[in-house]
């Protein structure tokens, strides 16, 4: 039986400092991401819902 690989979680500060998250307003993003770690997909989904961006943008 194959085991499903856990998605990689990154520290919130590292995500916010990355180029992929540079287009988000950093102060709002910090408030919207209060947990210490997120997957890329989790973080982008939360921010995109708030900032009303299309998925994959």
N, C-alpha and C. Protein backbone atom coordinates (compact mmCIF):
# COMPACT_ATOMS: atom_id res chain seq x y z
N UNK A 1 0.85 -1.18 0.00
CA UNK A 1 0.00 0.00 0.00
C UNK A 1 0.89 1.25 0.00
N UNK A 2 0.67 2.13 -0.92
CA UNK A 2 1.46 3.35 -1.03
C UNK A 2 0.99 4.36 0.01
N UNK A 3 1.95 5.04 0.62
CA UNK A 3 1.59 6.07 1.59
C UNK A 3 1.55 7.42 0.89
N UNK A 4 0.56 8.20 1.28
CA UNK A 4 0.42 9.52 0.68
C UNK A 4 1.45 10.45 1.33
N UNK A 5 2.19 11.17 0.52
CA UNK A 5 3.23 12.06 1.00
C UNK A 5 2.59 13.32 1.59
N UNK A 6 3.05 13.70 2.77
CA UNK A 6 2.56 14.92 3.40
C UNK A 6 3.05 16.12 2.61
N UNK A 7 2.18 17.11 2.40
CA UNK A 7 2.63 18.32 1.71
C UNK A 7 3.65 19.06 2.57
N UNK A 8 4.56 19.73 1.92
CA UNK A 8 5.61 20.46 2.64
C UNK A 8 5.03 21.75 3.20
N UNK A 9 5.29 21.98 4.49
CA UNK A 9 4.85 23.22 5.13
C UNK A 9 6.07 24.13 5.30
N UNK A 10 5.82 25.41 5.13
CA UNK A 10 6.87 26.42 5.24
C UNK A 10 6.52 27.38 6.35
N UNK A 11 7.53 27.96 6.97
CA UNK A 11 7.28 28.96 7.99
C UNK A 11 6.61 30.17 7.34
N UNK A 12 5.66 30.74 8.05
CA UNK A 12 4.88 31.86 7.52
C UNK A 12 5.78 33.01 7.09
N UNK A 13 6.77 33.37 7.91
CA UNK A 13 7.66 34.48 7.57
C UNK A 13 8.44 34.19 6.29
N UNK A 14 8.85 32.95 6.10
CA UNK A 14 9.58 32.58 4.88
C UNK A 14 8.68 32.73 3.66
N UNK A 15 7.42 32.32 3.80
CA UNK A 15 6.48 32.47 2.68
C UNK A 15 6.29 33.94 2.33
N UNK A 16 6.07 34.77 3.35
CA UNK A 16 5.81 36.19 3.10
C UNK A 16 7.01 36.91 2.49
N UNK A 17 8.20 36.43 2.76
CA UNK A 17 9.41 37.05 2.20
C UNK A 17 9.76 36.52 0.80
N UNK A 18 9.06 35.47 0.36
CA UNK A 18 9.37 34.89 -0.94
C UNK A 18 8.79 35.72 -2.08
N UNK A 19 9.36 35.55 -3.26
CA UNK A 19 8.89 36.29 -4.44
C UNK A 19 7.43 35.96 -4.77
N UNK A 20 7.02 34.73 -4.51
CA UNK A 20 5.66 34.31 -4.83
C UNK A 20 4.59 35.04 -4.03
N UNK A 21 4.97 35.62 -2.91
CA UNK A 21 4.01 36.32 -2.06
C UNK A 21 4.27 37.82 -2.01
N UNK A 22 5.18 38.31 -2.83
CA UNK A 22 5.55 39.73 -2.82
C UNK A 22 4.40 40.64 -3.26
N UNK A 23 3.46 40.12 -4.03
CA UNK A 23 2.38 40.96 -4.54
C UNK A 23 1.28 41.20 -3.51
N UNK A 24 1.33 40.50 -2.38
CA UNK A 24 0.33 40.69 -1.33
C UNK A 24 0.77 41.79 -0.37
N UNK A 25 -0.20 42.53 0.17
CA UNK A 25 0.11 43.54 1.18
C UNK A 25 0.56 42.80 2.44
N UNK A 26 1.81 42.99 2.80
CA UNK A 26 2.44 42.19 3.84
C UNK A 26 1.77 42.30 5.21
N UNK A 27 1.32 43.49 5.60
CA UNK A 27 0.68 43.65 6.91
C UNK A 27 -0.60 42.84 6.98
N UNK A 28 -1.41 42.90 5.93
CA UNK A 28 -2.65 42.12 5.90
C UNK A 28 -2.35 40.63 5.85
N UNK A 29 -1.36 40.25 5.08
CA UNK A 29 -1.02 38.84 4.93
C UNK A 29 -0.59 38.24 6.27
N UNK A 30 0.16 39.00 7.07
CA UNK A 30 0.58 38.50 8.38
C UNK A 30 -0.62 38.25 9.29
N UNK A 31 -1.62 39.11 9.21
CA UNK A 31 -2.82 38.94 10.03
C UNK A 31 -3.64 37.75 9.54
N UNK A 32 -3.70 37.56 8.24
CA UNK A 32 -4.49 36.47 7.66
C UNK A 32 -3.83 35.11 7.84
N UNK A 33 -2.53 35.10 8.08
CA UNK A 33 -1.79 33.85 8.26
C UNK A 33 -1.18 33.80 9.66
N UNK A 34 -2.01 33.59 10.69
CA UNK A 34 -1.50 33.63 12.06
C UNK A 34 -0.73 32.37 12.50
N UNK A 35 -0.93 31.26 11.80
CA UNK A 35 -0.26 30.01 12.19
C UNK A 35 1.23 30.07 11.83
N UNK A 36 2.04 29.28 12.51
CA UNK A 36 3.49 29.33 12.24
C UNK A 36 3.91 28.72 10.92
N UNK A 37 3.09 27.80 10.34
CA UNK A 37 3.46 27.14 9.09
C UNK A 37 2.23 26.88 8.22
N UNK A 38 2.46 26.92 6.91
CA UNK A 38 1.42 26.63 5.91
C UNK A 38 2.06 25.94 4.71
N UNK A 39 1.24 25.20 3.96
CA UNK A 39 1.70 24.74 2.65
C UNK A 39 1.52 25.93 1.71
N UNK A 40 2.18 25.88 0.57
CA UNK A 40 2.00 26.97 -0.41
C UNK A 40 0.54 27.12 -0.81
N UNK A 41 -0.13 25.97 -1.02
CA UNK A 41 -1.52 25.99 -1.46
C UNK A 41 -2.44 26.59 -0.39
N UNK A 42 -2.22 26.21 0.87
CA UNK A 42 -3.04 26.75 1.96
C UNK A 42 -2.90 28.26 2.06
N UNK A 43 -1.66 28.73 2.06
CA UNK A 43 -1.41 30.16 2.21
C UNK A 43 -1.99 30.96 1.05
N UNK A 44 -1.76 30.49 -0.17
CA UNK A 44 -2.29 31.22 -1.32
C UNK A 44 -3.81 31.22 -1.33
N UNK A 45 -4.43 30.12 -0.94
CA UNK A 45 -5.89 30.05 -0.92
C UNK A 45 -6.46 31.07 0.06
N UNK A 46 -5.89 31.14 1.26
CA UNK A 46 -6.35 32.09 2.27
C UNK A 46 -6.19 33.53 1.77
N UNK A 47 -5.01 33.84 1.25
CA UNK A 47 -4.76 35.21 0.79
C UNK A 47 -5.60 35.57 -0.42
N UNK A 48 -5.75 34.64 -1.35
CA UNK A 48 -6.54 34.91 -2.55
C UNK A 48 -8.01 35.14 -2.21
N UNK A 49 -8.52 34.42 -1.21
CA UNK A 49 -9.91 34.64 -0.81
C UNK A 49 -10.09 36.05 -0.27
N UNK A 50 -9.15 36.52 0.53
CA UNK A 50 -9.25 37.85 1.10
C UNK A 50 -9.02 38.93 0.05
N UNK A 51 -7.97 38.77 -0.72
CA UNK A 51 -7.61 39.79 -1.70
C UNK A 51 -8.37 39.64 -3.02
N UNK A 52 -9.24 38.63 -3.10
CA UNK A 52 -10.12 38.41 -4.26
C UNK A 52 -9.33 38.24 -5.54
N UNK A 53 -8.29 37.40 -5.48
CA UNK A 53 -7.50 37.10 -6.67
C UNK A 53 -7.94 35.75 -7.21
N UNK A 54 -7.74 35.56 -8.49
CA UNK A 54 -8.09 34.27 -9.10
C UNK A 54 -7.04 33.24 -8.72
N UNK A 55 -7.48 31.97 -8.62
CA UNK A 55 -6.55 30.89 -8.30
C UNK A 55 -5.41 30.86 -9.32
N UNK A 56 -4.23 30.60 -8.84
CA UNK A 56 -3.07 30.49 -9.71
C UNK A 56 -2.47 31.82 -10.08
N UNK A 57 -3.04 32.90 -9.61
CA UNK A 57 -2.53 34.24 -9.95
C UNK A 57 -1.40 34.62 -9.05
